[in-house]
């Protein structure tokens, strides 16, 4: 092989040398405009911390009995402006969402929910992850219930007790379909 071909092969195998970049004098560097710092993205609000509870609380709901469902609906929905609401005509029940994890319910007195006349103090109605598990855990601690959890016609599985002053406290889980 001639010498020229050998030299061409050798140079083809060798990586090319990079030329050293010329550095600007220090005085020119200082004269360059600095890039504006990047703006930070707006901070997203942190999720509220989980509420500690032994019953697996997911939301708070208060039920009231009423003898004037139309008047109650007008007051809370039209006057106070709670726009997320629903009426179950079968149960004659008004549900009003009052916050991300809170709501109110209104219905005429009915068996199983207390039947006082006139309207009664609210029932504390706690939505829990698993009403049967909450019932077992609390019964083991001595909480007295009116009976075991039961399926209700409004679509919840509930268990009921009373607090030391006689307020009805219900734990509920939506029924699985």
N, C-alpha and C. Protein backbone atom coordinates (compact mmCIF):
# COMPACT_ATOMS: atom_id res chain seq x y z
N UNK A 1 0.85 -1.16 0.00
CA UNK A 1 0.00 0.00 0.00
C UNK A 1 0.90 1.23 0.00
N UNK A 2 0.61 2.16 -0.86
CA UNK A 2 1.45 3.35 -0.93
C UNK A 2 1.34 4.15 0.37
N UNK A 3 2.31 4.94 0.65
CA UNK A 3 2.41 5.71 1.88
C UNK A 3 1.26 6.71 2.01
N UNK A 4 0.86 7.28 0.89
CA UNK A 4 -0.21 8.27 0.95
C UNK A 4 -1.52 7.65 1.43
N UNK A 5 -1.85 6.46 0.94
CA UNK A 5 -3.08 5.78 1.35
C UNK A 5 -3.04 5.44 2.83
N UNK A 6 -1.86 4.98 3.33
CA UNK A 6 -1.72 4.64 4.75
C UNK A 6 -1.96 5.89 5.60
N UNK A 7 -1.40 7.02 5.20
CA UNK A 7 -1.56 8.25 5.96
C UNK A 7 -3.02 8.70 5.95
N UNK A 8 -3.68 8.53 4.82
CA UNK A 8 -5.10 8.93 4.73
C UNK A 8 -5.95 8.07 5.64
N UNK A 9 -5.62 6.74 5.72
CA UNK A 9 -6.37 5.85 6.59
C UNK A 9 -6.15 6.23 8.05
N UNK A 10 -4.91 6.51 8.44
CA UNK A 10 -4.60 6.87 9.82
C UNK A 10 -5.35 8.14 10.21
N UNK A 11 -5.36 9.14 9.33
CA UNK A 11 -6.03 10.39 9.68
C UNK A 11 -7.54 10.19 9.75
N UNK A 12 -8.07 9.25 8.99
CA UNK A 12 -9.51 8.99 9.04
C UNK A 12 -9.87 8.35 10.37
N UNK A 13 -8.96 7.56 10.97
CA UNK A 13 -9.24 6.90 12.26
C UNK A 13 -9.08 7.85 13.43
N UNK A 14 -8.25 8.83 13.34
CA UNK A 14 -8.00 9.75 14.44
C UNK A 14 -9.15 10.75 14.55
N UNK A 15 -9.61 10.99 15.78
CA UNK A 15 -10.65 12.02 15.93
C UNK A 15 -10.06 13.39 15.63
N UNK A 16 -10.85 14.22 15.06
CA UNK A 16 -10.38 15.56 14.72
C UNK A 16 -10.16 16.35 16.00
N UNK A 17 -9.12 17.15 16.02
CA UNK A 17 -8.84 17.98 17.18
C UNK A 17 -9.74 19.21 17.13
N UNK A 18 -10.27 19.57 18.31
CA UNK A 18 -11.10 20.76 18.39
C UNK A 18 -10.20 21.96 18.56
N UNK A 19 -10.56 23.01 17.86
CA UNK A 19 -9.80 24.24 18.01
C UNK A 19 -10.24 24.90 19.31
N UNK A 20 -9.30 25.43 20.02
CA UNK A 20 -9.61 26.11 21.28
C UNK A 20 -10.41 27.37 20.98
N UNK A 21 -11.47 27.55 21.70
CA UNK A 21 -12.30 28.74 21.53
C UNK A 21 -11.58 29.93 22.11
N UNK A 22 -11.71 31.03 21.41
CA UNK A 22 -11.08 32.24 21.91
C UNK A 22 -11.94 32.78 23.03
N UNK A 23 -11.31 33.17 24.09
CA UNK A 23 -12.02 33.73 25.22
C UNK A 23 -12.03 35.24 25.11
N UNK A 24 -13.20 35.77 25.44
CA UNK A 24 -13.31 37.23 25.42
C UNK A 24 -12.59 37.78 26.63
N UNK A 25 -12.01 38.93 26.49
CA UNK A 25 -11.36 39.53 27.65
C UNK A 25 -12.39 39.77 28.77
N UNK A 26 -11.93 39.77 29.99
CA UNK A 26 -12.79 39.91 31.16
C UNK A 26 -13.67 41.15 31.07
N UNK A 27 -13.16 42.21 30.52
CA UNK A 27 -13.94 43.44 30.46
C UNK A 27 -15.15 43.28 29.54
N UNK A 28 -15.05 42.51 28.48
CA UNK A 28 -16.18 42.31 27.57
C UNK A 28 -17.25 41.43 28.21
N UNK A 29 -16.85 40.45 29.03
CA UNK A 29 -17.82 39.59 29.71
C UNK A 29 -18.72 40.42 30.61
N UNK A 30 -18.16 41.32 31.31
CA UNK A 30 -18.93 42.13 32.25
C UNK A 30 -19.90 43.03 31.51
N UNK A 31 -19.58 43.40 30.28
CA UNK A 31 -20.41 44.32 29.54
C UNK A 31 -21.64 43.62 28.94
N UNK A 32 -21.62 42.30 28.84
CA UNK A 32 -22.76 41.58 28.26
C UNK A 32 -23.98 41.71 29.17
N UNK A 33 -25.13 41.89 28.56
CA UNK A 33 -26.34 41.94 29.41
C UNK A 33 -26.65 40.55 29.95
N UNK A 34 -27.04 40.54 31.20
CA UNK A 34 -27.36 39.26 31.83
C UNK A 34 -28.79 38.89 31.47
N UNK A 35 -29.00 37.60 31.31
CA UNK A 35 -30.34 37.11 31.00
C UNK A 35 -31.22 37.31 32.23
N UNK A 36 -32.45 37.68 31.99
CA UNK A 36 -33.39 37.88 33.11
C UNK A 36 -33.65 36.54 33.77
N UNK A 37 -33.74 36.54 35.10
CA UNK A 37 -34.01 35.26 35.77
C UNK A 37 -35.40 34.75 35.37
N UNK A 38 -35.49 33.44 35.28
CA UNK A 38 -36.76 32.83 34.90
C UNK A 38 -37.77 33.05 36.01
N UNK A 39 -38.99 33.37 35.61
CA UNK A 39 -40.05 33.55 36.60
C UNK A 39 -40.52 32.18 37.05
N UNK A 40 -40.71 32.06 38.34
CA UNK A 40 -41.19 30.78 38.88
C UNK A 40 -42.67 30.63 38.53
N UNK A 41 -43.05 29.40 38.26
CA UNK A 41 -44.46 29.13 37.99
C UNK A 41 -45.26 29.44 39.23
N UNK A 42 -46.49 29.93 39.06
CA UNK A 42 -47.29 30.23 40.25
C UNK A 42 -47.49 28.96 41.08
N UNK A 43 -47.37 29.13 42.37
CA UNK A 43 -47.50 27.97 43.26
C UNK A 43 -48.94 27.50 43.28
N UNK A 44 -49.11 26.21 43.21
CA UNK A 44 -50.44 25.63 43.32
C UNK A 44 -50.79 25.51 44.79
N UNK A 45 -52.04 25.76 45.12
CA UNK A 45 -52.39 25.62 46.53
C UNK A 45 -52.25 24.18 46.97
N UNK A 46 -51.69 24.02 48.13
CA UNK A 46 -51.48 22.67 48.65
C UNK A 46 -52.83 22.08 49.04
N UNK A 47 -52.96 20.79 48.85
CA UNK A 47 -54.18 20.10 49.26
C UNK A 47 -54.29 20.19 50.77
N UNK A 48 -55.50 20.34 51.26
CA UNK A 48 -55.63 20.40 52.71
C UNK A 48 -55.17 19.09 53.33
N UNK A 49 -54.59 19.16 54.51
CA UNK A 49 -54.14 17.92 55.15
C UNK A 49 -55.34 17.03 55.47
N UNK A 50 -55.09 15.75 55.47
CA UNK A 50 -56.14 14.79 55.80
C UNK A 50 -56.59 15.02 57.24
N UNK A 51 -57.88 14.90 57.45
CA UNK A 51 -58.43 15.07 58.79
C UNK A 51 -58.25 13.75 59.54
N UNK A 52 -57.54 13.77 60.64
CA UNK A 52 -57.35 12.52 61.37
C UNK A 52 -58.64 12.10 62.06
N UNK A 53 -59.02 10.88 61.88
CA UNK A 53 -60.18 10.34 62.59
C UNK A 53 -60.07 8.82 62.63
N UNK A 54 -60.65 8.25 63.63
CA UNK A 54 -60.61 6.79 63.78
C UNK A 54 -61.71 6.13 62.96
N UNK A 55 -62.61 6.95 62.37
CA UNK A 55 -63.73 6.35 61.64
C UNK A 55 -63.57 6.44 60.13
N UNK A 56 -62.47 7.01 59.63
CA UNK A 56 -62.25 7.12 58.20
C UNK A 56 -63.14 8.19 57.56
N UNK A 57 -63.31 9.32 58.23
CA UNK A 57 -64.18 10.39 57.76
C UNK A 57 -63.76 10.89 56.38
N UNK A 58 -64.73 11.00 55.48
CA UNK A 58 -64.48 11.54 54.14
C UNK A 58 -65.17 12.88 53.94
N UNK A 59 -66.33 13.08 54.57
CA UNK A 59 -67.05 14.34 54.44
C UNK A 59 -68.02 14.49 55.61
N UNK A 60 -68.49 15.73 55.80
CA UNK A 60 -69.44 16.00 56.87
C UNK A 60 -70.76 16.44 56.25
N UNK A 61 -71.85 15.81 56.68
CA UNK A 61 -73.18 16.10 56.15
C UNK A 61 -74.14 16.21 57.33
N UNK A 62 -74.95 17.25 57.35
CA UNK A 62 -75.96 17.40 58.40
C UNK A 62 -77.34 17.25 57.77
N UNK A 63 -78.19 16.43 58.37
CA UNK A 63 -79.56 16.23 57.92
C UNK A 63 -80.52 16.95 58.86
N UNK A 64 -81.50 17.60 58.26
CA UNK A 64 -82.55 18.28 59.02
C UNK A 64 -83.90 17.76 58.54
N UNK A 65 -84.86 17.70 59.44
CA UNK A 65 -86.22 17.47 58.99
C UNK A 65 -86.85 18.82 58.73
N UNK A 66 -87.82 18.83 57.83
CA UNK A 66 -88.50 20.07 57.50
C UNK A 66 -89.94 19.78 57.12
N UNK A 67 -90.81 20.77 57.36
CA UNK A 67 -92.20 20.68 56.92
C UNK A 67 -92.44 21.68 55.79
N UNK A 68 -91.35 22.30 55.27
CA UNK A 68 -91.47 23.31 54.22
C UNK A 68 -90.29 23.15 53.26
N UNK A 69 -90.25 22.06 52.53
CA UNK A 69 -89.11 21.77 51.64
C UNK A 69 -88.96 22.84 50.57
N UNK A 70 -90.05 23.33 49.99
CA UNK A 70 -89.94 24.36 48.94
C UNK A 70 -89.36 25.66 49.50
N UNK A 71 -89.78 26.06 50.68
CA UNK A 71 -89.24 27.27 51.30
C UNK A 71 -87.76 27.12 51.64
N UNK A 72 -87.39 25.95 52.13
CA UNK A 72 -85.98 25.67 52.46
C UNK A 72 -85.14 25.73 51.18
N UNK A 73 -85.64 25.12 50.08
CA UNK A 73 -84.91 25.13 48.81
C UNK A 73 -84.72 26.57 48.34
N UNK A 74 -85.77 27.36 48.36
CA UNK A 74 -85.65 28.77 47.94
C UNK A 74 -84.61 29.51 48.79
N UNK A 75 -84.63 29.31 50.10
CA UNK A 75 -83.70 30.00 50.99
C UNK A 75 -82.25 29.64 50.67
N UNK A 76 -81.92 28.34 50.67
CA UNK A 76 -80.52 27.93 50.51
C UNK A 76 -80.03 28.03 49.07
N UNK A 77 -80.89 27.71 48.12
CA UNK A 77 -80.45 27.69 46.72
C UNK A 77 -80.58 29.07 46.08
N UNK A 78 -81.75 29.67 46.16
CA UNK A 78 -81.97 30.94 45.47
C UNK A 78 -81.41 32.13 46.24
N UNK A 79 -81.62 32.18 47.55
CA UNK A 79 -81.15 33.34 48.31
C UNK A 79 -79.67 33.24 48.69
N UNK A 80 -79.28 32.11 49.28
CA UNK A 80 -77.88 31.97 49.70
C UNK A 80 -76.96 31.57 48.54
N UNK A 81 -77.51 31.05 47.46
CA UNK A 81 -76.72 30.79 46.26
C UNK A 81 -75.96 29.47 46.23
N UNK A 82 -76.35 28.49 47.02
CA UNK A 82 -75.69 27.17 46.92
C UNK A 82 -76.21 26.50 45.65
N UNK A 83 -75.44 26.62 44.57
CA UNK A 83 -75.91 26.18 43.26
C UNK A 83 -75.82 24.67 43.05
N UNK A 84 -74.99 23.99 43.79
CA UNK A 84 -74.88 22.52 43.64
C UNK A 84 -75.89 21.88 44.58
N UNK A 85 -77.00 21.47 44.01
CA UNK A 85 -78.06 20.87 44.81
C UNK A 85 -78.81 19.85 43.97
N UNK A 86 -79.56 19.02 44.63
CA UNK A 86 -80.33 17.99 43.93
C UNK A 86 -81.55 17.66 44.78
N UNK A 87 -82.65 17.39 44.13
CA UNK A 87 -83.86 16.97 44.82
C UNK A 87 -84.18 15.55 44.37
N UNK A 88 -84.36 14.66 45.33
CA UNK A 88 -84.79 13.30 45.04
C UNK A 88 -86.30 13.26 45.25
N UNK A 89 -87.09 13.27 44.15
CA UNK A 89 -88.53 13.32 44.31
C UNK A 89 -89.11 12.07 44.96
N UNK A 90 -88.45 10.95 44.79
CA UNK A 90 -88.93 9.70 45.39
C UNK A 90 -88.88 9.78 46.91
N UNK A 91 -87.80 10.35 47.44
CA UNK A 91 -87.63 10.45 48.89
C UNK A 91 -88.05 11.83 49.42
N UNK A 92 -88.37 12.77 48.51
CA UNK A 92 -88.70 14.14 48.89
C UNK A 92 -87.55 14.71 49.72
N UNK A 93 -86.34 14.57 49.16
CA UNK A 93 -85.11 14.90 49.88
C UNK A 93 -84.34 15.96 49.10
N UNK A 94 -83.93 17.01 49.76
CA UNK A 94 -83.13 18.08 49.16
C UNK A 94 -81.70 17.95 49.67
N UNK A 95 -80.75 17.80 48.74
CA UNK A 95 -79.33 17.72 49.06
C UNK A 95 -78.69 19.02 48.57
N UNK A 96 -77.91 19.67 49.43
CA UNK A 96 -77.22 20.91 49.07
C UNK A 96 -75.75 20.78 49.44
N UNK A 97 -74.87 20.90 48.43
CA UNK A 97 -73.43 20.87 48.70
C UNK A 97 -73.02 22.25 49.16
N UNK A 98 -72.42 22.34 50.35
CA UNK A 98 -72.03 23.63 50.93
C UNK A 98 -70.53 23.88 50.86
N UNK A 99 -69.75 22.88 50.54
CA UNK A 99 -68.30 23.00 50.44
C UNK A 99 -67.74 21.76 49.79
N UNK A 100 -66.40 21.70 49.69
CA UNK A 100 -65.78 20.53 49.06
C UNK A 100 -66.07 19.24 49.81
N UNK A 101 -66.18 19.31 51.12
CA UNK A 101 -66.44 18.10 51.91
C UNK A 101 -67.57 18.30 52.91
N UNK A 102 -68.49 19.20 52.59
CA UNK A 102 -69.61 19.41 53.50
C UNK A 102 -70.91 19.60 52.72
N UNK A 103 -72.01 19.20 53.35
CA UNK A 103 -73.31 19.32 52.70
C UNK A 103 -74.42 19.32 53.74
N UNK A 104 -75.60 19.73 53.28
CA UNK A 104 -76.81 19.72 54.10
C UNK A 104 -77.87 18.89 53.40
N UNK A 105 -78.74 18.30 54.20
CA UNK A 105 -79.87 17.56 53.64
C UNK A 105 -81.14 17.95 54.38
N UNK A 106 -82.25 18.02 53.65
CA UNK A 106 -83.54 18.37 54.24
C UNK A 106 -84.59 17.40 53.72
N UNK A 107 -85.47 16.94 54.62
CA UNK A 107 -86.54 16.03 54.23
C UNK A 107 -87.64 16.07 55.27
N UNK A 108 -88.84 15.67 54.88
CA UNK A 108 -89.90 15.55 55.88
C UNK A 108 -89.53 14.45 56.87
N UNK A 109 -90.08 14.49 58.07
CA UNK A 109 -89.80 13.42 59.03
C UNK A 109 -90.16 12.06 58.42
N UNK A 110 -89.34 11.07 58.69
CA UNK A 110 -89.59 9.72 58.18
C UNK A 110 -89.06 8.69 59.16
N UNK A 111 -89.63 7.49 59.14
CA UNK A 111 -89.15 6.44 60.05
C UNK A 111 -87.65 6.18 59.85
N UNK A 112 -86.96 5.99 60.94
CA UNK A 112 -85.53 5.69 60.87
C UNK A 112 -84.65 6.91 61.01
N UNK A 113 -85.22 8.10 60.85
CA UNK A 113 -84.43 9.32 60.96
C UNK A 113 -84.91 10.18 62.12
N UNK A 114 -85.81 9.68 62.91
CA UNK A 114 -86.38 10.49 63.98
C UNK A 114 -87.62 11.18 63.42
N UNK A 115 -88.64 11.30 64.21
CA UNK A 115 -89.89 11.86 63.69
C UNK A 115 -90.46 12.97 64.56
N UNK A 116 -89.63 13.86 65.07
CA UNK A 116 -90.19 14.91 65.92
C UNK A 116 -90.96 15.95 65.10
N UNK A 117 -91.91 16.55 65.75
CA UNK A 117 -92.63 17.68 65.17
C UNK A 117 -92.58 18.77 66.23
N UNK A 118 -92.15 19.97 65.95
CA UNK A 118 -91.69 20.47 64.68
C UNK A 118 -90.29 19.96 64.33
N UNK A 119 -89.65 20.63 63.37
CA UNK A 119 -88.33 20.21 62.91
C UNK A 119 -87.37 20.05 64.09
N UNK A 120 -86.45 19.13 63.96
CA UNK A 120 -85.55 18.77 65.05
C UNK A 120 -84.16 19.34 64.88
N UNK A 121 -83.37 19.12 65.91
CA UNK A 121 -81.94 19.44 65.84
C UNK A 121 -81.32 18.55 64.77
N UNK A 122 -80.27 19.01 64.11
CA UNK A 122 -79.71 18.21 63.02
C UNK A 122 -79.12 16.89 63.50
N UNK A 123 -79.16 15.94 62.57
CA UNK A 123 -78.44 14.69 62.76
C UNK A 123 -77.02 14.92 62.26
N UNK A 124 -76.04 14.53 63.04
CA UNK A 124 -74.65 14.57 62.56
C UNK A 124 -74.46 13.33 61.69
N UNK A 125 -74.23 13.54 60.43
CA UNK A 125 -74.22 12.46 59.44
C UNK A 125 -72.83 12.42 58.84
N UNK A 126 -72.02 11.47 59.26
CA UNK A 126 -70.63 11.39 58.81
C UNK A 126 -70.48 10.32 57.74
N UNK A 127 -70.01 10.74 56.56
CA UNK A 127 -69.70 9.78 55.49
C UNK A 127 -68.34 9.16 55.81
N UNK A 128 -68.29 7.85 55.88
CA UNK A 128 -67.06 7.14 56.22
C UNK A 128 -66.72 6.15 55.12
N UNK A 129 -65.46 5.71 55.11
CA UNK A 129 -65.01 4.78 54.08
C UNK A 129 -65.73 3.44 54.17
N UNK A 130 -65.91 2.94 55.38
CA UNK A 130 -66.50 1.60 55.55
C UNK A 130 -67.31 1.60 56.84
N UNK A 131 -68.62 1.72 56.73
CA UNK A 131 -69.48 1.83 57.92
C UNK A 131 -69.42 0.55 58.77
N UNK A 132 -69.31 -0.60 58.14
CA UNK A 132 -69.26 -1.85 58.91
C UNK A 132 -67.99 -1.93 59.76
N UNK A 133 -66.88 -1.49 59.19
CA UNK A 133 -65.61 -1.50 59.93
C UNK A 133 -65.65 -0.47 61.06
N UNK A 134 -66.17 0.73 60.77
CA UNK A 134 -66.28 1.76 61.81
C UNK A 134 -67.17 1.27 62.94
N UNK A 135 -68.29 0.63 62.61
CA UNK A 135 -69.21 0.08 63.60
C UNK A 135 -68.49 -0.94 64.49
N UNK A 136 -67.77 -1.87 63.88
CA UNK A 136 -67.06 -2.90 64.65
C UNK A 136 -66.01 -2.28 65.58
N UNK A 137 -65.25 -1.33 65.07
CA UNK A 137 -64.21 -0.69 65.87
C UNK A 137 -64.79 0.09 67.05
N UNK A 138 -65.86 0.84 66.79
CA UNK A 138 -66.45 1.65 67.85
C UNK A 138 -67.22 0.81 68.87
N UNK A 139 -67.90 -0.23 68.41
CA UNK A 139 -68.61 -1.12 69.33
C UNK A 139 -67.61 -1.80 70.27
N UNK A 140 -66.43 -2.14 69.74
CA UNK A 140 -65.39 -2.75 70.57
C UNK A 140 -64.89 -1.78 71.64
N UNK A 141 -65.04 -0.47 71.41
CA UNK A 141 -64.64 0.54 72.39
C UNK A 141 -65.78 0.90 73.34
N UNK A 142 -66.92 0.25 73.17
CA UNK A 142 -68.04 0.49 74.08
C UNK A 142 -69.12 1.44 73.58
N UNK A 143 -69.03 1.91 72.34
CA UNK A 143 -70.07 2.77 71.80
C UNK A 143 -71.33 1.94 71.59
N UNK A 144 -72.45 2.44 72.08
CA UNK A 144 -73.74 1.74 71.94
C UNK A 144 -74.45 2.25 70.70
N UNK A 145 -74.91 1.36 69.86
CA UNK A 145 -75.62 1.72 68.64
C UNK A 145 -77.07 1.28 68.73
N UNK A 146 -77.93 1.87 67.91
CA UNK A 146 -79.34 1.52 67.88
C UNK A 146 -79.57 0.19 67.15
N UNK A 147 -78.56 -0.33 66.53
CA UNK A 147 -78.63 -1.59 65.80
C UNK A 147 -77.41 -1.69 64.92
N UNK A 148 -77.25 -2.78 64.21
CA UNK A 148 -76.11 -2.92 63.30
C UNK A 148 -76.33 -2.06 62.04
N UNK A 149 -75.30 -1.90 61.23
CA UNK A 149 -75.46 -1.15 59.98
C UNK A 149 -76.57 -1.77 59.13
N UNK A 150 -77.31 -0.90 58.47
CA UNK A 150 -78.43 -1.35 57.62
C UNK A 150 -78.47 -0.53 56.35
N UNK A 151 -78.93 -1.15 55.26
CA UNK A 151 -79.10 -0.45 53.99
C UNK A 151 -80.38 0.37 54.04
N UNK A 152 -80.29 1.62 53.58
CA UNK A 152 -81.43 2.53 53.59
C UNK A 152 -81.92 2.79 52.18
N UNK A 153 -83.19 3.16 52.04
CA UNK A 153 -83.74 3.37 50.70
C UNK A 153 -83.11 4.54 49.95
N UNK A 154 -82.43 5.46 50.64
CA UNK A 154 -81.80 6.59 49.96
C UNK A 154 -80.40 6.25 49.45
N UNK A 155 -79.98 4.99 49.55
CA UNK A 155 -78.73 4.56 48.92
C UNK A 155 -77.51 4.50 49.81
N UNK A 156 -77.71 4.64 51.11
CA UNK A 156 -76.57 4.55 52.04
C UNK A 156 -76.75 3.35 52.96
N UNK A 157 -75.63 2.84 53.42
CA UNK A 157 -75.61 1.85 54.49
C UNK A 157 -75.24 2.65 55.73
N UNK A 158 -76.10 2.62 56.77
CA UNK A 158 -75.92 3.50 57.93
C UNK A 158 -75.99 2.74 59.24
N UNK A 159 -75.42 3.36 60.26
CA UNK A 159 -75.55 2.91 61.63
C UNK A 159 -75.74 4.17 62.47
N UNK A 160 -76.54 4.05 63.53
CA UNK A 160 -76.92 5.22 64.30
C UNK A 160 -76.62 5.05 65.78
N UNK A 161 -76.19 6.14 66.40
CA UNK A 161 -75.96 6.19 67.84
C UNK A 161 -76.37 7.59 68.29
N UNK A 162 -76.20 7.88 69.55
CA UNK A 162 -76.45 9.24 70.05
C UNK A 162 -75.25 9.68 70.86
N UNK A 163 -75.01 11.00 70.87
CA UNK A 163 -73.91 11.51 71.68
C UNK A 163 -74.40 11.67 73.12
N UNK A 164 -73.53 12.05 74.07
CA UNK A 164 -73.94 12.14 75.47
C UNK A 164 -75.09 13.09 75.76
N UNK A 165 -75.36 14.04 74.86
CA UNK A 165 -76.48 14.96 75.06
C UNK A 165 -77.72 14.57 74.26
N UNK A 166 -77.67 13.42 73.62
CA UNK A 166 -78.84 12.91 72.90
C UNK A 166 -78.91 13.25 71.43
N UNK A 167 -77.89 13.89 70.86
CA UNK A 167 -77.89 14.18 69.43
C UNK A 167 -77.66 12.90 68.65
N UNK A 168 -78.46 12.73 67.60
CA UNK A 168 -78.29 11.55 66.74
C UNK A 168 -77.01 11.71 65.93
N UNK A 169 -76.20 10.66 65.90
CA UNK A 169 -74.96 10.61 65.11
C UNK A 169 -75.07 9.38 64.22
N UNK A 170 -75.00 9.61 62.92
CA UNK A 170 -75.08 8.51 61.97
C UNK A 170 -73.78 8.41 61.20
N UNK A 171 -73.32 7.20 61.00
CA UNK A 171 -72.17 6.92 60.13
C UNK A 171 -72.74 6.27 58.89
N UNK A 172 -72.27 6.65 57.72
CA UNK A 172 -72.85 6.16 56.48
C UNK A 172 -71.79 5.93 55.42
N UNK A 173 -72.06 4.96 54.57
CA UNK A 173 -71.25 4.65 53.41
C UNK A 173 -72.21 4.44 52.24
N UNK A 174 -71.93 5.02 51.06
CA UNK A 174 -72.82 4.72 49.93
C UNK A 174 -72.83 3.21 49.65
N UNK A 175 -74.02 2.70 49.36
CA UNK A 175 -74.13 1.26 49.08
C UNK A 175 -73.43 0.95 47.77
N UNK A 176 -72.78 -0.19 47.74
CA UNK A 176 -72.13 -0.65 46.51
C UNK A 176 -73.21 -1.28 45.64
N UNK A 177 -73.20 -0.93 44.36
CA UNK A 177 -74.21 -1.51 43.46
C UNK A 177 -73.60 -2.50 42.52
